[in-house]
Amino acid sequence: MSRRSKKLKPTSVLPMCATVGFFIGIGLGALMGEFLLVMLIGVVIGSAAGFAIDRRNGITYGRGPRNPH
C-alpha cells in the first residue's frame, strides 16, 4: 500500500500571535504598573505580526474574488 500525502490547507496564525501578545502584555503590565495599556499594546503588536505572517503565507480575510460562471 502506498501512502499519499495530503495537502494541508494553510492555517491562520493570527489568533495564536494575538494570544501570545495578550499574555506577554499581562506579564509586562504587571511589572511596569501600566496593566491595561501594555496589555493592549501587546495584543496590537501580536495581531500585526500574525497578520503579516498570514499575508506572506497567502491567507486572506473576508471574501475572495468572485468567480463569474
N, C-alpha and C. Protein backbone atom coordinates (compact mmCIF):
# COMPACT_ATOMS: atom_id res chain seq x y z
N MET A 1 0.83 -1.19 0.00
CA MET A 1 0.00 0.00 0.00
C MET A 1 0.87 1.24 0.00
N SER A 2 0.50 2.15 -0.82
CA SER A 2 1.24 3.41 -0.84
C SER A 2 0.46 4.48 -0.08
N ARG A 3 1.21 5.26 0.61
CA ARG A 3 0.57 6.35 1.35
C ARG A 3 0.68 7.62 0.53
N ARG A 4 -0.42 8.31 0.43
CA ARG A 4 -0.42 9.59 -0.27
C ARG A 4 -0.36 10.70 0.77
N SER A 5 0.44 11.67 0.47
CA SER A 5 0.49 12.79 1.40
C SER A 5 -0.65 13.75 1.08
N LYS A 6 -1.36 14.11 2.10
CA LYS A 6 -2.48 15.02 1.93
C LYS A 6 -1.95 16.45 1.97
N LYS A 7 -2.46 17.25 1.07
CA LYS A 7 -2.07 18.66 1.06
C LYS A 7 -2.86 19.38 2.14
N LEU A 8 -2.15 20.00 3.06
CA LEU A 8 -2.80 20.70 4.15
C LEU A 8 -3.14 22.12 3.74
N LYS A 9 -4.30 22.58 4.17
CA LYS A 9 -4.70 23.95 3.91
C LYS A 9 -3.88 24.87 4.81
N PRO A 10 -3.54 26.06 4.33
CA PRO A 10 -2.82 26.99 5.20
C PRO A 10 -3.69 27.41 6.37
N THR A 11 -3.10 27.45 7.54
CA THR A 11 -3.82 27.79 8.76
C THR A 11 -3.37 29.15 9.26
N SER A 12 -4.32 29.94 9.71
CA SER A 12 -4.03 31.28 10.20
C SER A 12 -3.30 31.21 11.54
N VAL A 13 -2.27 32.04 11.69
CA VAL A 13 -1.55 32.13 12.95
C VAL A 13 -1.90 33.41 13.71
N LEU A 14 -2.81 34.21 13.15
CA LEU A 14 -3.19 35.47 13.78
C LEU A 14 -3.76 35.26 15.19
N PRO A 15 -4.70 34.33 15.43
CA PRO A 15 -5.21 34.16 16.80
C PRO A 15 -4.13 33.76 17.80
N MET A 16 -3.20 32.90 17.36
CA MET A 16 -2.12 32.48 18.25
C MET A 16 -1.22 33.66 18.60
N CYS A 17 -0.87 34.48 17.60
CA CYS A 17 0.00 35.62 17.86
C CYS A 17 -0.69 36.66 18.75
N ALA A 18 -1.99 36.87 18.55
CA ALA A 18 -2.72 37.82 19.40
C ALA A 18 -2.78 37.31 20.84
N THR A 19 -2.95 36.00 21.02
CA THR A 19 -2.99 35.42 22.37
C THR A 19 -1.64 35.54 23.05
N VAL A 20 -0.57 35.27 22.31
CA VAL A 20 0.77 35.40 22.87
C VAL A 20 1.04 36.85 23.26
N GLY A 21 0.64 37.79 22.41
CA GLY A 21 0.78 39.21 22.75
C GLY A 21 -0.01 39.60 23.99
N PHE A 22 -1.19 39.00 24.15
CA PHE A 22 -2.02 39.25 25.33
C PHE A 22 -1.30 38.81 26.60
N PHE A 23 -0.77 37.59 26.60
CA PHE A 23 -0.12 37.07 27.80
C PHE A 23 1.21 37.77 28.09
N ILE A 24 1.94 38.11 27.04
CA ILE A 24 3.17 38.89 27.27
C ILE A 24 2.81 40.27 27.83
N GLY A 25 1.72 40.85 27.32
CA GLY A 25 1.26 42.13 27.83
C GLY A 25 0.84 42.06 29.29
N ILE A 26 0.22 40.95 29.68
CA ILE A 26 -0.16 40.79 31.09
C ILE A 26 1.09 40.75 31.97
N GLY A 27 2.09 39.97 31.53
CA GLY A 27 3.31 39.85 32.33
C GLY A 27 4.07 41.16 32.41
N LEU A 28 4.24 41.83 31.29
CA LEU A 28 4.96 43.10 31.31
C LEU A 28 4.16 44.19 32.01
N GLY A 29 2.83 44.13 31.87
CA GLY A 29 1.99 45.12 32.54
C GLY A 29 2.07 45.03 34.04
N ALA A 30 2.17 43.80 34.54
CA ALA A 30 2.30 43.62 35.99
C ALA A 30 3.64 44.15 36.48
N LEU A 31 4.68 44.01 35.67
CA LEU A 31 5.99 44.51 36.06
C LEU A 31 6.08 46.03 35.99
N MET A 32 5.44 46.61 34.98
CA MET A 32 5.57 48.05 34.74
C MET A 32 4.52 48.89 35.46
N GLY A 33 3.45 48.28 35.90
CA GLY A 33 2.42 49.02 36.61
C GLY A 33 1.34 49.59 35.69
N GLU A 34 1.52 49.54 34.40
CA GLU A 34 0.52 50.01 33.44
C GLU A 34 -0.12 48.79 32.79
N PHE A 35 -1.02 48.17 33.51
CA PHE A 35 -1.54 46.86 33.11
C PHE A 35 -2.31 46.92 31.80
N LEU A 36 -3.34 47.74 31.71
CA LEU A 36 -4.20 47.74 30.53
C LEU A 36 -3.51 48.27 29.29
N LEU A 37 -2.71 49.31 29.45
CA LEU A 37 -2.04 49.90 28.30
C LEU A 37 -1.03 48.94 27.68
N VAL A 38 -0.22 48.31 28.50
CA VAL A 38 0.80 47.39 27.99
C VAL A 38 0.14 46.13 27.42
N MET A 39 -0.95 45.68 28.03
CA MET A 39 -1.67 44.52 27.52
C MET A 39 -2.26 44.84 26.14
N LEU A 40 -2.83 46.02 25.97
CA LEU A 40 -3.38 46.42 24.69
C LEU A 40 -2.29 46.54 23.62
N ILE A 41 -1.16 47.10 23.99
CA ILE A 41 -0.04 47.21 23.05
C ILE A 41 0.45 45.82 22.65
N GLY A 42 0.51 44.88 23.59
CA GLY A 42 0.92 43.51 23.28
C GLY A 42 -0.02 42.82 22.31
N VAL A 43 -1.33 43.02 22.50
CA VAL A 43 -2.31 42.42 21.59
C VAL A 43 -2.19 43.04 20.20
N VAL A 44 -2.01 44.34 20.12
CA VAL A 44 -1.88 45.01 18.82
C VAL A 44 -0.63 44.54 18.09
N ILE A 45 0.49 44.47 18.79
CA ILE A 45 1.73 44.01 18.16
C ILE A 45 1.61 42.55 17.73
N GLY A 46 1.02 41.71 18.57
CA GLY A 46 0.82 40.30 18.21
C GLY A 46 -0.10 40.14 17.02
N SER A 47 -1.17 40.93 16.97
CA SER A 47 -2.09 40.85 15.84
C SER A 47 -1.42 41.32 14.55
N ALA A 48 -0.62 42.37 14.64
CA ALA A 48 0.08 42.87 13.45
C ALA A 48 1.08 41.82 12.94
N ALA A 49 1.78 41.17 13.86
CA ALA A 49 2.74 40.14 13.45
C ALA A 49 2.01 38.95 12.82
N GLY A 50 0.90 38.54 13.42
CA GLY A 50 0.12 37.43 12.87
C GLY A 50 -0.46 37.75 11.51
N PHE A 51 -0.92 38.99 11.33
CA PHE A 51 -1.46 39.40 10.04
C PHE A 51 -0.37 39.40 8.98
N ALA A 52 0.81 39.87 9.34
CA ALA A 52 1.92 39.89 8.38
C ALA A 52 2.33 38.47 7.98
N ILE A 53 2.37 37.56 8.93
CA ILE A 53 2.72 36.17 8.63
C ILE A 53 1.65 35.54 7.75
N ASP A 54 0.37 35.77 8.08
CA ASP A 54 -0.71 35.22 7.28
C ASP A 54 -0.70 35.77 5.87
N ARG A 55 -0.42 37.04 5.73
CA ARG A 55 -0.39 37.64 4.40
C ARG A 55 0.75 37.05 3.56
N ARG A 56 1.89 36.82 4.19
CA ARG A 56 3.02 36.21 3.50
C ARG A 56 2.71 34.77 3.08
N ASN A 57 1.90 34.07 3.88
CA ASN A 57 1.53 32.69 3.57
C ASN A 57 0.34 32.59 2.63
N GLY A 58 -0.24 33.71 2.22
CA GLY A 58 -1.33 33.70 1.27
C GLY A 58 -2.71 33.51 1.86
N ILE A 59 -2.86 33.74 3.15
CA ILE A 59 -4.17 33.62 3.78
C ILE A 59 -4.86 34.97 3.70
N THR A 60 -6.10 34.95 3.19
CA THR A 60 -6.86 36.20 3.07
C THR A 60 -7.99 36.20 4.08
N TYR A 61 -8.42 37.37 4.42
CA TYR A 61 -9.54 37.54 5.34
C TYR A 61 -10.70 38.13 4.55
N GLY A 62 -11.89 37.64 4.82
CA GLY A 62 -13.04 38.14 4.09
C GLY A 62 -13.31 37.29 2.86
N ARG A 63 -14.04 37.86 1.94
CA ARG A 63 -14.41 37.16 0.72
C ARG A 63 -13.28 37.20 -0.30
N GLY A 64 -13.14 36.11 -1.00
CA GLY A 64 -12.16 36.05 -2.07
C GLY A 64 -12.76 36.64 -3.35
N PRO A 65 -12.01 36.62 -4.42
CA PRO A 65 -12.54 37.13 -5.67
C PRO A 65 -13.67 36.28 -6.18
N ARG A 66 -14.64 36.92 -6.79
CA ARG A 66 -15.81 36.18 -7.31
C ARG A 66 -15.45 35.47 -8.60
N ASN A 67 -16.01 34.29 -8.75
CA ASN A 67 -15.81 33.52 -9.98
C ASN A 67 -17.04 33.68 -10.86
N PRO A 68 -16.93 34.41 -11.97
CA PRO A 68 -18.10 34.57 -12.83
C PRO A 68 -18.37 33.32 -13.64
N HIS A 69 -19.49 32.64 -13.32
CA HIS A 69 -19.88 31.44 -14.07
C HIS A 69 -21.24 31.64 -14.65
